[in-house]
PDB file of N, CA and C in Angstrom:
ATOM      1  N   MET A   1      14.271  13.069  -4.758  1.00  0.00           N
ATOM      2  CA  MET A   1      13.189  13.794  -4.608  1.00  0.00           C
ATOM      3  C   MET A   1      13.264  15.112  -4.210  1.00  0.00           C
ATOM      4  N   SER A   2      12.575  16.097  -4.466  1.00  0.00           N
ATOM      5  CA  SER A   2      12.736  17.403  -4.094  1.00  0.00           C
ATOM      6  C   SER A   2      11.425  17.243  -3.035  1.00  0.00           C
ATOM      7  N   ARG A   3      12.364  18.622  -2.120  1.00  0.00           N
ATOM      8  CA  ARG A   3      11.398  18.459  -0.954  1.00  0.00           C
ATOM      9  C   ARG A   3      10.114  19.073  -0.965  1.00  0.00           C
ATOM     10  N   ARG A   4       9.589  19.907  -2.314  1.00  0.00           N
ATOM     11  CA  ARG A   4       8.514  20.173  -2.704  1.00  0.00           C
ATOM     12  C   ARG A   4       7.498  18.737  -3.094  1.00  0.00           C
ATOM     13  N   THR A   5       8.409  17.763  -3.730  1.00  0.00           N
ATOM     14  CA  THR A   5       7.688  16.561  -4.273  1.00  0.00           C
ATOM     15  C   THR A   5       7.232  15.539  -3.004  1.00  0.00           C
ATOM     16  N   GLU A   6       8.267  15.486  -2.106  1.00  0.00           N
ATOM     17  CA  GLU A   6       8.177  14.605  -1.128  1.00  0.00           C
ATOM     18  C   GLU A   6       7.023  15.178  -0.185  1.00  0.00           C
ATOM     19  N   GLN A   7       6.666  16.518   0.079  1.00  0.00           N
ATOM     20  CA  GLN A   7       5.455  17.182   0.757  1.00  0.00           C
ATOM     21  C   GLN A   7       4.411  17.080  -0.082  1.00  0.00           C
ATOM     22  N   VAL A   8       4.207  17.127  -1.507  1.00  0.00           N
ATOM     23  CA  VAL A   8       2.805  16.576  -2.142  1.00  0.00           C
ATOM     24  C   VAL A   8       2.574  15.390  -1.933  1.00  0.00           C
ATOM     25  N   ALA A   9       3.372  14.712  -2.101  1.00  0.00           N
ATOM     26  CA  ALA A   9       3.598  12.999  -1.723  1.00  0.00           C
ATOM     27  C   ALA A   9       2.799  12.460  -0.853  1.00  0.00           C
ATOM     28  N   LEU A  10       3.214  13.430   0.429  1.00  0.00           N
ATOM     29  CA  LEU A  10       3.084  12.896   2.298  1.00  0.00           C
ATOM     30  C   LEU A  10       1.396  13.608   2.196  1.00  0.00           C
ATOM     31  N   GLU A  11       1.392  14.821   1.593  1.00  0.00           N
ATOM     32  CA  GLU A  11      -0.062  15.157   1.412  1.00  0.00           C
ATOM     33  C   GLU A  11      -1.425  14.280   0.438  1.00  0.00           C
ATOM     34  N   VAL A  12      -0.611  13.697  -0.448  1.00  0.00           N
ATOM     35  CA  VAL A  12      -1.740  13.045  -1.114  1.00  0.00           C
ATOM     36  C   VAL A  12      -1.755  11.513  -0.351  1.00  0.00           C
ATOM     37  N   GLN A  13      -1.058  10.968   0.370  1.00  0.00           N
ATOM     38  CA  GLN A  13      -0.675   9.538   0.921  1.00  0.00           C
ATOM     39  C   GLN A  13      -1.965   9.737   2.165  1.00  0.00           C
ATOM     40  N   ARG A  14      -1.755  11.139   2.615  1.00  0.00           N
ATOM     41  CA  ARG A  14      -2.782  11.323   3.874  1.00  0.00           C
ATOM     42  C   ARG A  14      -3.871  11.885   3.598  1.00  0.00           C
ATOM     43  N   HIS A  15      -4.346  12.425   2.841  1.00  0.00           N
ATOM     44  CA  HIS A  15      -5.685  12.691   1.640  1.00  0.00           C
ATOM     45  C   HIS A  15      -6.060  11.466   1.276  1.00  0.00           C
ATOM     46  N   LEU A  16      -5.426  10.499   0.517  1.00  0.00           N
ATOM     47  CA  LEU A  16      -5.704   9.310  -0.113  1.00  0.00           C
ATOM     48  C   LEU A  16      -6.491   8.467   1.275  1.00  0.00           C
ATOM     49  N   GLY A  17      -5.799   8.203   1.924  1.00  0.00           N
ATOM     50  CA  GLY A  17      -6.005   7.364   3.332  1.00  0.00           C
ATOM     51  C   GLY A  17      -7.199   7.998   3.786  1.00  0.00           C
ATOM     52  N   ASP A  18      -7.727   9.236   4.126  1.00  0.00           N
ATOM     53  CA  ASP A  18      -9.098   9.722   4.703  1.00  0.00           C
ATOM     54  C   ASP A  18      -9.881   9.304   3.821  1.00  0.00           C
ATOM     55  N   LEU A  19      -9.888   9.476   2.665  1.00  0.00           N
ATOM     56  CA  LEU A  19     -10.736   9.217   1.186  1.00  0.00           C
ATOM     57  C   LEU A  19     -11.406   7.741   1.138  1.00  0.00           C
ATOM     58  N   LEU A  20     -10.048   6.977   1.457  1.00  0.00           N
ATOM     59  CA  LEU A  20     -10.485   5.426   1.460  1.00  0.00           C
ATOM     60  C   LEU A  20     -10.993   5.137   2.883  1.00  0.00           C
ATOM     61  N   LEU A  21     -10.986   5.982   3.965  1.00  0.00           N
ATOM     62  CA  LEU A  21     -11.876   5.650   5.254  1.00  0.00           C
ATOM     63  C   LEU A  21     -13.302   6.266   4.998  1.00  0.00           C
ATOM     64  N   THR A  22     -13.387   7.366   4.644  1.00  0.00           N
ATOM     65  CA  THR A  22     -14.753   7.927   4.588  1.00  0.00           C
ATOM     66  C   THR A  22     -15.296   7.944   3.308  1.00  0.00           C
ATOM     67  N   GLU A  23     -15.024   8.069   2.388  1.00  0.00           N
ATOM     68  CA  GLU A  23     -15.674   7.983   1.043  1.00  0.00           C
ATOM     69  C   GLU A  23     -15.995   7.245  -0.026  1.00  0.00           C
ATOM     70  N   VAL A  24     -15.046   5.762  -0.024  1.00  0.00           N
ATOM     71  CA  VAL A  24     -15.019   4.946  -0.763  1.00  0.00           C
ATOM     72  C   VAL A  24     -15.878   4.092  -0.308  1.00  0.00           C
ATOM     73  N   ARG A  25     -17.123   3.719  -0.991  1.00  0.00           N
ATOM     74  CA  ARG A  25     -17.866   2.577  -0.546  1.00  0.00           C
ATOM     75  C   ARG A  25     -17.719   1.578  -1.424  1.00  0.00           C
ATOM     76  N   ASP A  26     -17.144   1.257  -2.381  1.00  0.00           N
ATOM     77  CA  ASP A  26     -17.161   0.041  -3.162  1.00  0.00           C
ATOM     78  C   ASP A  26     -16.629  -1.120  -2.013  1.00  0.00           C
ATOM     79  N   PRO A  27     -17.620  -2.099  -1.939  1.00  0.00           N
ATOM     80  CA  PRO A  27     -17.231  -3.172  -1.217  1.00  0.00           C
ATOM     81  C   PRO A  27     -15.864  -3.881  -1.446  1.00  0.00           C
ATOM     82  N   ARG A  28     -15.683  -3.554  -2.723  1.00  0.00           N
ATOM     83  CA  ARG A  28     -14.399  -4.480  -3.141  1.00  0.00           C
ATOM     84  C   ARG A  28     -13.108  -4.108  -2.430  1.00  0.00           C
ATOM     85  N   VAL A  29     -12.976  -2.508  -2.251  1.00  0.00           N
ATOM     86  CA  VAL A  29     -12.001  -1.979  -1.311  1.00  0.00           C
ATOM     87  C   VAL A  29     -11.849  -2.770   0.137  1.00  0.00           C
ATOM     88  N   GLY A  30     -11.305  -3.260  -0.010  1.00  0.00           N
ATOM     89  CA  GLY A  30     -11.405  -3.992   1.612  1.00  0.00           C
ATOM     90  C   GLY A  30     -10.440  -3.488   2.568  1.00  0.00           C
ATOM     91  N   PHE A  31      -9.449  -4.161   3.467  1.00  0.00           N
ATOM     92  CA  PHE A  31      -8.628  -3.445   3.949  1.00  0.00           C
ATOM     93  C   PHE A  31      -7.300  -3.103   3.265  1.00  0.00           C
ATOM     94  N   VAL A  32      -7.174  -1.864   3.023  1.00  0.00           N
ATOM     95  CA  VAL A  32      -6.357  -1.513   1.882  1.00  0.00           C
ATOM     96  C   VAL A  32      -5.666  -0.418   2.767  1.00  0.00           C
ATOM     97  N   THR A  33      -4.140  -0.382   2.862  1.00  0.00           N
ATOM     98  CA  THR A  33      -3.674   0.545   3.486  1.00  0.00           C
ATOM     99  C   THR A  33      -2.538   1.090   2.509  1.00  0.00           C
ATOM    100  N   ILE A  34      -2.223   2.230   2.622  1.00  0.00           N
ATOM    101  CA  ILE A  34      -1.203   3.386   1.250  1.00  0.00           C
ATOM    102  C   ILE A  34      -0.145   3.203   2.186  1.00  0.00           C
ATOM    103  N   THR A  35       0.741   2.194   1.434  1.00  0.00           N
ATOM    104  CA  THR A  35       2.471   2.291   2.214  1.00  0.00           C
ATOM    105  C   THR A  35       3.357   3.181   1.483  1.00  0.00           C
ATOM    106  N   ALA A  36       3.037   3.944   0.290  1.00  0.00           N
ATOM    107  CA  ALA A  36       3.550   5.208   0.037  1.00  0.00           C
ATOM    108  C   ALA A  36       3.376   5.520  -1.363  1.00  0.00           C
ATOM    109  N   VAL A  37       3.784   6.740  -1.067  1.00  0.00           N
ATOM    110  CA  VAL A  37       3.367   7.627  -2.914  1.00  0.00           C
ATOM    111  C   VAL A  37       4.378   8.260  -3.374  1.00  0.00           C
ATOM    112  N   GLU A  38       4.793   8.238  -4.595  1.00  0.00           N
ATOM    113  CA  GLU A  38       6.007   8.663  -5.297  1.00  0.00           C
ATOM    114  C   GLU A  38       4.908   9.566  -6.391  1.00  0.00           C
ATOM    115  N   VAL A  39       5.343  10.946  -6.294  1.00  0.00           N
ATOM    116  CA  VAL A  39       5.035  11.846  -7.017  1.00  0.00           C
ATOM    117  C   VAL A  39       6.174  12.201  -8.195  1.00  0.00           C
ATOM    118  N   SER A  40       5.740  12.550  -9.507  1.00  0.00           N
ATOM    119  CA  SER A  40       6.701  12.654 -10.357  1.00  0.00           C
ATOM    120  C   SER A  40       7.151  14.108 -10.346  1.00  0.00           C
ATOM    121  N   PRO A  41       8.713  14.565 -10.928  1.00  0.00           N
ATOM    122  CA  PRO A  41       9.028  15.934 -10.632  1.00  0.00           C
ATOM    123  C   PRO A  41       8.009  16.838 -10.916  1.00  0.00           C
ATOM    124  N   ASP A  42       7.107  16.660 -12.258  1.00  0.00           N
ATOM    125  CA  ASP A  42       6.381  17.620 -12.665  1.00  0.00           C
ATOM    126  C   ASP A  42       5.027  17.681 -12.074  1.00  0.00           C
ATOM    127  N   LEU A  43       5.108  16.993 -10.832  1.00  0.00           N
ATOM    128  CA  LEU A  43       3.797  16.578  -9.857  1.00  0.00           C
ATOM    129  C   LEU A  43       2.134  16.437 -11.067  1.00  0.00           C
ATOM    130  N   GLU A  44       2.601  15.632 -12.298  1.00  0.00           N
ATOM    131  CA  GLU A  44       1.548  15.047 -13.126  1.00  0.00           C
ATOM    132  C   GLU A  44       1.161  13.937 -12.493  1.00  0.00           C
ATOM    133  N   HIS A  45       2.043  13.030 -12.477  1.00  0.00           N
ATOM    134  CA  HIS A  45       1.385  11.610 -11.836  1.00  0.00           C
ATOM    135  C   HIS A  45       1.880  11.250 -10.264  1.00  0.00           C
ATOM    136  N   ALA A  46       1.256  10.148 -10.047  1.00  0.00           N
ATOM    137  CA  ALA A  46       1.676   9.578  -8.234  1.00  0.00           C
ATOM    138  C   ALA A  46       1.339   8.514  -8.547  1.00  0.00           C
ATOM    139  N   ARG A  47       2.383   7.382  -8.282  1.00  0.00           N
ATOM    140  CA  ARG A  47       2.337   6.105  -7.972  1.00  0.00           C
ATOM    141  C   ARG A  47       2.026   6.031  -6.666  1.00  0.00           C
ATOM    142  N   VAL A  48       0.939   5.171  -6.261  1.00  0.00           N
ATOM    143  CA  VAL A  48       0.369   5.242  -4.904  1.00  0.00           C
ATOM    144  C   VAL A  48       0.601   3.395  -4.775  1.00  0.00           C
ATOM    145  N   HIS A  49       1.357   3.124  -3.879  1.00  0.00           N
ATOM    146  CA  HIS A  49       1.495   1.787  -3.197  1.00  0.00           C
ATOM    147  C   HIS A  49       0.801   1.317  -2.344  1.00  0.00           C
ATOM    148  N   VAL A  50       0.021   0.578  -2.218  1.00  0.00           N
ATOM    149  CA  VAL A  50      -1.141  -0.072  -1.384  1.00  0.00           C
ATOM    150  C   VAL A  50      -0.737  -1.730  -0.819  1.00  0.00           C
ATOM    151  N   SER A  51      -1.103  -1.563   0.164  1.00  0.00           N
ATOM    152  CA  SER A  51      -1.142  -3.178   0.775  1.00  0.00           C
ATOM    153  C   SER A  51      -2.394  -3.294   1.116  1.00  0.00           C
ATOM    154  N   VAL A  52      -2.701  -4.988   1.040  1.00  0.00           N
ATOM    155  CA  VAL A  52      -4.003  -5.303   1.146  1.00  0.00           C
ATOM    156  C   VAL A  52      -4.205  -6.487   1.835  1.00  0.00           C
ATOM    157  N   LEU A  53      -4.782  -6.215   3.263  1.00  0.00           N
ATOM    158  CA  LEU A  53      -4.861  -7.527   3.850  1.00  0.00           C
ATOM    159  C   LEU A  53      -6.044  -8.567   3.328  1.00  0.00           C
ATOM    160  N   GLY A  54      -5.379  -9.905   2.779  1.00  0.00           N
ATOM    161  CA  GLY A  54      -6.369 -10.723   2.644  1.00  0.00           C
ATOM    162  C   GLY A  54      -5.619 -11.424   1.675  1.00  0.00           C
ATOM    163  N   GLU A  55      -5.970 -12.292   1.100  1.00  0.00           N
ATOM    164  CA  GLU A  55      -5.514 -13.207  -0.185  1.00  0.00           C
ATOM    165  C   GLU A  55      -5.514 -12.881  -1.413  1.00  0.00           C
ATOM    166  N   GLU A  56      -4.691 -13.290  -2.138  1.00  0.00           N
ATOM    167  CA  GLU A  56      -4.450 -12.385  -3.642  1.00  0.00           C
ATOM    168  C   GLU A  56      -5.477 -12.316  -4.388  1.00  0.00           C
ATOM    169  N   SER A  57      -6.675 -12.944  -4.070  1.00  0.00           N
ATOM    170  CA  SER A  57      -7.890 -12.347  -4.725  1.00  0.00           C
ATOM    171  C   SER A  57      -8.489 -11.257  -4.078  1.00  0.00           C
ATOM    172  N   ASP A  58      -8.289 -11.240  -2.892  1.00  0.00           N
ATOM    173  CA  ASP A  58      -8.653  -9.976  -2.276  1.00  0.00           C
ATOM    174  C   ASP A  58      -7.775  -8.574  -2.784  1.00  0.00           C
ATOM    175  N   GLU A  59      -6.417  -8.699  -3.032  1.00  0.00           N
ATOM    176  CA  GLU A  59      -5.850  -7.983  -3.127  1.00  0.00           C
ATOM    177  C   GLU A  59      -6.078  -7.449  -4.693  1.00  0.00           C
ATOM    178  N   LYS A  60      -6.300  -8.542  -5.853  1.00  0.00           N
ATOM    179  CA  LYS A  60      -6.508  -7.723  -6.887  1.00  0.00           C
ATOM    180  C   LYS A  60      -8.030  -6.999  -7.274  1.00  0.00           C
ATOM    181  N   LEU A  61      -9.034  -7.710  -6.504  1.00  0.00           N
ATOM    182  CA  LEU A  61     -10.194  -6.723  -6.442  1.00  0.00           C
ATOM    183  C   LEU A  61     -10.167  -5.619  -5.936  1.00  0.00           C
ATOM    184  N   SER A  62      -9.473  -5.275  -4.654  1.00  0.00           N
ATOM    185  CA  SER A  62      -9.087  -4.162  -4.192  1.00  0.00           C
ATOM    186  C   SER A  62      -8.289  -3.205  -5.298  1.00  0.00           C
ATOM    187  N   LEU A  63      -7.642  -3.573  -5.687  1.00  0.00           N
ATOM    188  CA  LEU A  63      -6.364  -2.589  -6.929  1.00  0.00           C
ATOM    189  C   LEU A  63      -7.733  -2.453  -7.977  1.00  0.00           C
ATOM    190  N   LEU A  64      -8.435  -3.420  -8.295  1.00  0.00           N
ATOM    191  CA  LEU A  64      -9.044  -3.088  -9.568  1.00  0.00           C
ATOM    192  C   LEU A  64     -10.419  -1.916  -9.327  1.00  0.00           C
ATOM    193  N   ALA A  65     -10.762  -2.218  -8.013  1.00  0.00           N
ATOM    194  CA  ALA A  65     -11.709  -1.231  -7.442  1.00  0.00           C
ATOM    195  C   ALA A  65     -10.990   0.295  -7.451  1.00  0.00           C
ATOM    196  N   LEU A  66     -10.028   0.343  -6.980  1.00  0.00           N
ATOM    197  CA  LEU A  66      -9.108   1.506  -6.494  1.00  0.00           C
ATOM    198  C   LEU A  66      -8.762   2.091  -8.013  1.00  0.00           C
ATOM    199  N   ARG A  67      -8.394   1.433  -9.099  1.00  0.00           N
ATOM    200  CA  ARG A  67      -8.123   1.697 -10.178  1.00  0.00           C
ATOM    201  C   ARG A  67      -9.398   2.606 -10.903  1.00  0.00           C
ATOM    202  N   LYS A  68     -10.651   1.858 -10.646  1.00  0.00           N
ATOM    203  CA  LYS A  68     -11.855   2.768 -11.256  1.00  0.00           C
ATOM    204  C   LYS A  68     -12.061   3.779 -10.303  1.00  0.00           C
ATOM    205  N   ALA A  69     -11.708   3.826  -9.274  1.00  0.00           N
ATOM    206  CA  ALA A  69     -12.133   5.122  -8.129  1.00  0.00           C
ATOM    207  C   ALA A  69     -10.955   6.398  -8.370  1.00  0.00           C
ATOM    208  N   ALA A  70     -10.101   5.990  -9.377  1.00  0.00           N
ATOM    209  CA  ALA A  70      -8.878   6.774  -9.484  1.00  0.00           C
ATOM    210  C   ALA A  70      -9.746   8.094  -9.749  1.00  0.00           C
ATOM    211  N   GLY A  71     -10.473   8.573 -10.709  1.00  0.00           N
ATOM    212  CA  GLY A  71     -10.854   9.605 -11.171  1.00  0.00           C
ATOM    213  C   GLY A  71     -11.576  10.513 -10.295  1.00  0.00           C
ATOM    214  N   PHE A  72     -12.086   9.387  -9.443  1.00  0.00           N
ATOM    215  CA  PHE A  72     -13.048  10.191  -8.476  1.00  0.00           C
ATOM    216  C   PHE A  72     -11.977  10.550  -7.175  1.00  0.00           C
ATOM    217  N   LEU A  73     -11.272   9.912  -6.927  1.00  0.00           N
ATOM    218  CA  LEU A  73     -10.378  10.040  -5.979  1.00  0.00           C
ATOM    219  C   LEU A  73      -9.487  11.243  -6.082  1.00  0.00           C
ATOM    220  N   ARG A  74      -9.184  11.803  -7.438  1.00  0.00           N
ATOM    221  CA  ARG A  74      -8.195  13.029  -8.111  1.00  0.00           C
ATOM    222  C   ARG A  74      -9.300  13.957  -7.694  1.00  0.00           C
ATOM    223  N   THR A  75     -10.134  13.785  -8.154  1.00  0.00           N
ATOM    224  CA  THR A  75     -11.386  15.345  -8.016  1.00  0.00           C
ATOM    225  C   THR A  75     -11.685  15.379  -6.592  1.00  0.00           C
ATOM    226  N   GLU A  76     -11.459  14.530  -5.907  1.00  0.00           N
ATOM    227  CA  GLU A  76     -11.845  14.618  -4.147  1.00  0.00           C
ATOM    228  C   GLU A  76      -9.999  15.411  -3.794  1.00  0.00           C
ATOM    229  N   LEU A  77      -9.310  14.765  -4.141  1.00  0.00           N
ATOM    230  CA  LEU A  77      -7.760  15.468  -3.939  1.00  0.00           C
ATOM    231  C   LEU A  77      -7.941  16.886  -4.084  1.00  0.00           C
ATOM    232  N   GLY A  78      -8.332  17.048  -5.267  1.00  0.00           N
ATOM    233  CA  GLY A  78      -8.413  18.414  -6.075  1.00  0.00           C
ATOM    234  C   GLY A  78      -9.171  19.516  -5.120  1.00  0.00           C
ATOM    235  N   LYS A  79     -10.315  19.207  -4.614  1.00  0.00           N
ATOM    236  CA  LYS A  79     -11.096  19.595  -3.908  1.00  0.00           C
ATOM    237  C   LYS A  79     -10.300  20.105  -1.889  1.00  0.00           C
ATOM    238  N   ARG A  80      -9.412  19.221  -2.002  1.00  0.00           N
ATOM    239  CA  ARG A  80      -8.540  19.162  -0.574  1.00  0.00           C
ATOM    240  C   ARG A  80      -7.576  19.608  -0.637  1.00  0.00           C
ATOM    241  N   MET A  81      -6.896  19.475  -1.444  1.00  0.00           N
ATOM    242  CA  MET A  81      -5.360  19.925  -1.931  1.00  0.00           C
ATOM    243  C   MET A  81      -5.074  21.624  -2.474  1.00  0.00           C
ATOM    244  N   ARG A  82      -3.910  22.310  -2.498  1.00  0.00           N
ATOM    245  CA  ARG A  82      -4.348  23.374  -3.044  1.00  0.00           C
ATOM    246  C   ARG A  82      -2.761  23.226  -4.077  1.00  0.00           C
ATOM    247  N   LEU A  83      -3.188  22.849  -5.488  1.00  0.00           N
ATOM    248  CA  LEU A  83      -1.974  22.301  -6.333  1.00  0.00           C
ATOM    249  C   LEU A  83      -3.067  22.886  -7.753  1.00  0.00           C
ATOM    250  N   ARG A  84      -2.028  23.171  -8.353  1.00  0.00           N
ATOM    251  CA  ARG A  84      -2.304  23.898  -9.865  1.00  0.00           C
ATOM    252  C   ARG A  84      -3.063  22.667 -10.561  1.00  0.00           C
ATOM    253  N   THR A  85      -2.594  21.640 -10.528  1.00  0.00           N
ATOM    254  CA  THR A  85      -2.753  19.971 -10.975  1.00  0.00           C
ATOM    255  C   THR A  85      -2.686  19.303 -10.076  1.00  0.00           C
ATOM    256  N   VAL A  86      -3.635  18.296 -10.152  1.00  0.00           N
ATOM    257  CA  VAL A  86      -3.562  17.084  -9.284  1.00  0.00           C
ATOM    258  C   VAL A  86      -3.147  15.922 -10.108  1.00  0.00           C
ATOM    259  N   PRO A  87      -2.334  15.538  -9.508  1.00  0.00           N
ATOM    260  CA  PRO A  87      -1.563  14.307 -10.354  1.00  0.00           C
ATOM    261  C   PRO A  87      -2.523  13.204 -10.481  1.00  0.00           C
ATOM    262  N   GLN A  88      -2.252  12.309 -11.597  1.00  0.00           N
ATOM    263  CA  GLN A  88      -2.668  11.429 -12.069  1.00  0.00           C
ATOM    264  C   GLN A  88      -2.627  10.291 -11.046  1.00  0.00           C
ATOM    265  N   LEU A  89      -3.277   9.454 -10.756  1.00  0.00           N
ATOM    266  CA  LEU A  89      -3.362   8.550  -9.779  1.00  0.00           C
ATOM    267  C   LEU A  89      -3.224   6.951 -10.454  1.00  0.00           C
ATOM    268  N   ARG A  90      -2.133   6.344  -9.887  1.00  0.00           N
ATOM    269  CA  ARG A  90      -1.615   5.233 -10.256  1.00  0.00           C
ATOM    270  C   ARG A  90      -1.400   3.877  -8.974  1.00  0.00           C
ATOM    271  N   PHE A  91      -2.683   3.563  -9.110  1.00  0.00           N
ATOM    272  CA  PHE A  91      -2.567   2.465  -7.741  1.00  0.00           C
ATOM    273  C   PHE A  91      -1.671   0.751  -8.397  1.00  0.00           C
ATOM    274  N   GLU A  92      -0.718   0.526  -7.318  1.00  0.00           N
ATOM    275  CA  GLU A  92      -0.046  -0.583  -7.450  1.00  0.00           C
ATOM    276  C   GLU A  92       0.129  -1.338  -6.212  1.00  0.00           C
ATOM    277  N   ALA A  93       0.111  -2.584  -6.324  1.00  0.00           N
ATOM    278  CA  ALA A  93       0.422  -3.633  -5.072  1.00  0.00           C
ATOM    279  C   ALA A  93       1.985  -3.380  -4.496  1.00  0.00           C
ATOM    280  N   ASP A  94       1.707  -3.169  -3.085  1.00  0.00           N
ATOM    281  CA  ASP A  94       3.121  -3.156  -2.369  1.00  0.00           C
ATOM    282  C   ASP A  94       3.582  -4.517  -1.891  1.00  0.00           C
ATOM    283  N   PRO A  95       4.247  -5.141  -2.891  1.00  0.00           N
ATOM    284  CA  PRO A  95       5.010  -6.566  -2.175  1.00  0.00           C
ATOM    285  C   PRO A  95       5.448  -6.661  -0.573  1.00  0.00           C
ATOM    286  N   THR A  96       6.168  -5.306  -0.377  1.00  0.00           N
ATOM    287  CA  THR A  96       6.969  -5.391   0.777  1.00  0.00           C
ATOM    288  C   THR A  96       5.780  -5.978   2.290  1.00  0.00           C
ATOM    289  N   THR A  97       5.090  -5.912   2.200  1.00  0.00           N
ATOM    290  CA  THR A  97       4.468  -6.467   3.431  1.00  0.00           C
ATOM    291  C   THR A  97       4.506  -8.139   3.480  1.00  0.00           C
ATOM    292  N   LYS A  98       4.017  -8.039   2.249  1.00  0.00           N
ATOM    293  CA  LYS A  98       3.988  -9.692   1.748  1.00  0.00           C
ATOM    294  C   LYS A  98       5.438 -10.462   2.279  1.00  0.00           C
ATOM    295  N   GLN A  99       6.638  -9.781   1.513  1.00  0.00           N
ATOM    296  CA  GLN A  99       7.652 -10.272   1.716  1.00  0.00           C
ATOM    297  C   GLN A  99       8.499 -10.220   3.167  1.00  0.00           C
ATOM    298  N   ALA A 100       7.702  -9.196   4.024  1.00  0.00           N
ATOM    299  CA  ALA A 100       8.000  -9.532   5.417  1.00  0.00           C
ATOM    300  C   ALA A 100       7.229 -10.324   6.053  1.00  0.00           C
ATOM    301  N   ILE A 101       6.135 -10.669   5.775  1.00  0.00           N
ATOM    302  CA  ILE A 101       5.562 -11.797   6.468  1.00  0.00           C
ATOM    303  C   ILE A 101       6.595 -13.206   5.881  1.00  0.00           C
ATOM    304  N   ARG A 102       6.481 -13.352   4.593  1.00  0.00           N
ATOM    305  CA  ARG A 102       7.389 -14.467   4.088  1.00  0.00           C
ATOM    306  C   ARG A 102       8.625 -15.014   4.996  1.00  0.00           C
ATOM    307  N   ILE A 103       9.094 -13.803   5.094  1.00  0.00           N
ATOM    308  CA  ILE A 103      10.658 -13.591   5.569  1.00  0.00           C
ATOM    309  C   ILE A 103      10.210 -14.308   7.089  1.00  0.00           C
ATOM    310  N   GLY A 104       9.334 -13.462   8.220  1.00  0.00           N
ATOM    311  CA  GLY A 104       8.768 -14.076   9.439  1.00  0.00           C
ATOM    312  C   GLY A 104       8.911 -15.559   9.445  1.00  0.00           C
ATOM    313  N   GLN A 105       7.988 -16.049   8.324  1.00  0.00           N
ATOM    314  CA  GLN A 105       7.443 -17.440   8.509  1.00  0.00           C
ATOM    315  C   GLN A 105       8.544 -18.018   8.083  1.00  0.00           C
ATOM    316  N   LEU A 106       9.561 -17.940   7.577  1.00  0.00           N
ATOM    317  CA  LEU A 106      10.760 -18.756   7.121  1.00  0.00           C
ATOM    318  C   LEU A 106      11.694 -18.727   8.231  1.00  0.00           C
ATOM    319  N   LEU A 107      11.762 -17.297   9.152  1.00  0.00           N
ATOM    320  CA  LEU A 107      12.452 -17.401  10.321  1.00  0.00           C
ATOM    321  C   LEU A 107      12.298 -18.164  11.277  1.00  0.00           C
ATOM    322  N   HIS A 108      10.795 -18.442  11.390  1.00  0.00           N
ATOM    323  CA  HIS A 108      10.244 -19.310  12.065  1.00  0.00           C
ATOM    324  C   HIS A 108      10.166 -20.221  12.098  1.00  0.00           C
ATOM    325  N   GLU A 109      10.381 -21.110  10.812  1.00  0.00           N
ATOM    326  CA  GLU A 109      10.483 -22.200  10.394  1.00  0.00           C
ATOM    327  C   GLU A 109      11.875 -22.727  10.603  1.00  0.00           C
ATOM    328  N   ALA A 110      12.772 -21.954  10.664  1.00  0.00           N
ATOM    329  CA  ALA A 110      14.199 -22.011  10.795  1.00  0.00           C
ATOM    330  C   ALA A 110      14.540 -22.179  12.099  1.00  0.00           C
ATOM    331  N   GLY A 111      14.052 -21.346  13.158  1.00  0.00           N
ATOM    332  CA  GLY A 111      13.724 -21.450  14.473  1.00  0.00           C
ATOM    333  C   GLY A 111      13.491 -22.727  14.994  1.00  0.00           C
ATOM    334  N   THR A 112      12.104 -22.942  14.701  1.00  0.00           N
ATOM    335  CA  THR A 112      11.671 -24.199  15.178  1.00  0.00           C
ATOM    336  C   THR A 112      12.940 -25.572  14.513  1.00  0.00           C
ATOM    337  N   ALA A 113      12.925 -25.567  13.238  1.00  0.00           N
ATOM    338  CA  ALA A 113      13.795 -26.697  13.001  1.00  0.00           C
ATOM    339  C   ALA A 113      15.226 -26.852  13.907  1.00  0.00           C
ATOM    340  N   GLU A 114      15.522 -25.677  14.092  1.00  0.00           N
ATOM    341  CA  GLU A 114      16.925 -25.623  15.029  1.00  0.00           C
ATOM    342  C   GLU A 114      16.869 -25.924  16.435  1.00  0.00           C
ATOM    343  N   ASP A 115      15.456 -25.852  16.934  1.00  0.00           N
ATOM    344  CA  ASP A 115      15.168 -26.434  17.968  1.00  0.00           C
ATOM    345  C   ASP A 115      14.565 -27.818  18.186  1.00  0.00           C
ATOM    346  N   ASP A 116      14.175 -28.413  17.010  1.00  0.00           N
ATOM    347  CA  ASP A 116      14.062 -29.683  16.866  1.00  0.00           C
ATOM    348  C   ASP A 116      15.324 -30.556  16.947  1.00  0.00           C
ATOM    349  N   GLU A 117      16.340 -30.020  16.089  1.00  0.00           N
ATOM    350  CA  GLU A 117      17.818 -30.591  15.934  1.00  0.00           C
ATOM    351  C   GLU A 117      18.412 -30.385  17.375  1.00  0.00           C
ATOM    352  N   GLY A 118      18.368 -29.325  18.031  1.00  0.00           N
ATOM    353  CA  GLY A 118      18.885 -29.261  19.554  1.00  0.00           C
ATOM    354  C   GLY A 118      18.509 -30.073  20.203  1.00  0.00           C
ATOM    355  N   ASP A 119      16.964 -30.160  20.223  1.00  0.00           N
ATOM    356  CA  ASP A 119      16.124 -31.291  21.478  1.00  0.00           C
ATOM    357  C   ASP A 119      16.829 -33.081  21.037  1.00  0.00           C
ATOM    358  N   SER A 120      17.184 -33.137  19.689  1.00  0.00           N
ATOM    359  CA  SER A 120      17.608 -34.649  19.284  1.00  0.00           C
ATOM    360  C   SER A 120      18.853 -34.850  19.783  1.00  0.00           C
ATOM    361  N   LEU A 121      19.999 -33.751  19.605  1.00  0.00           N
ATOM    362  CA  LEU A 121      21.240 -34.088  19.934  1.00  0.00           C
ATOM    363  C   LEU A 121      21.066 -34.338  21.537  1.00  0.00           C
ATOM    364  N   ALA A 122      20.326 -33.347  22.362  1.00  0.00           N
ATOM    365  CA  ALA A 122      20.436 -33.629  23.989  1.00  0.00           C
ATOM    366  C   ALA A 122      20.210 -34.732  24.515  1.00  0.00           C
ATOM    367  N   ASP A 123      19.186 -35.227  23.439  1.00  0.00           N
ATOM    368  CA  ASP A 123      18.513 -36.585  23.908  1.00  0.00           C
ATOM    369  C   ASP A 123      19.601 -37.869  23.766  1.00  0.00           C
ATOM    370  N   ARG A 124      20.330 -37.639  22.792  1.00  0.00           N
ATOM    371  CA  ARG A 124      21.385 -38.841  22.672  1.00  0.00           C
ATOM    372  C   ARG A 124      22.706 -39.043  23.867  1.00  0.00           C
TER     373      ARG A 124
END
């Protein structure tokens, strides 16, 4: 990724985060965090990775609302950024947060199981 593409991606992420906090009024957009933005080399498209706090149904509703708001968000980005062409926005769920939580749960369970085994061996 070129330096320019990285800069645009960071700006898109920053402005989208602000827009989600201040301008998007759709109640379906819950606790959404923009985890990353990938911009194509021609700056025509942006893949926006989001993490949604809550159940899978909350995630689906939030993604649906974000996809419906993509045109509005793109227009607002155009007002805030100095670009010849504002990228088309494509919102996708970011699985890394869920994976990290799952790994943490597994590690915790493994540690708990290890502690149980250790106690039973000490009792013998």
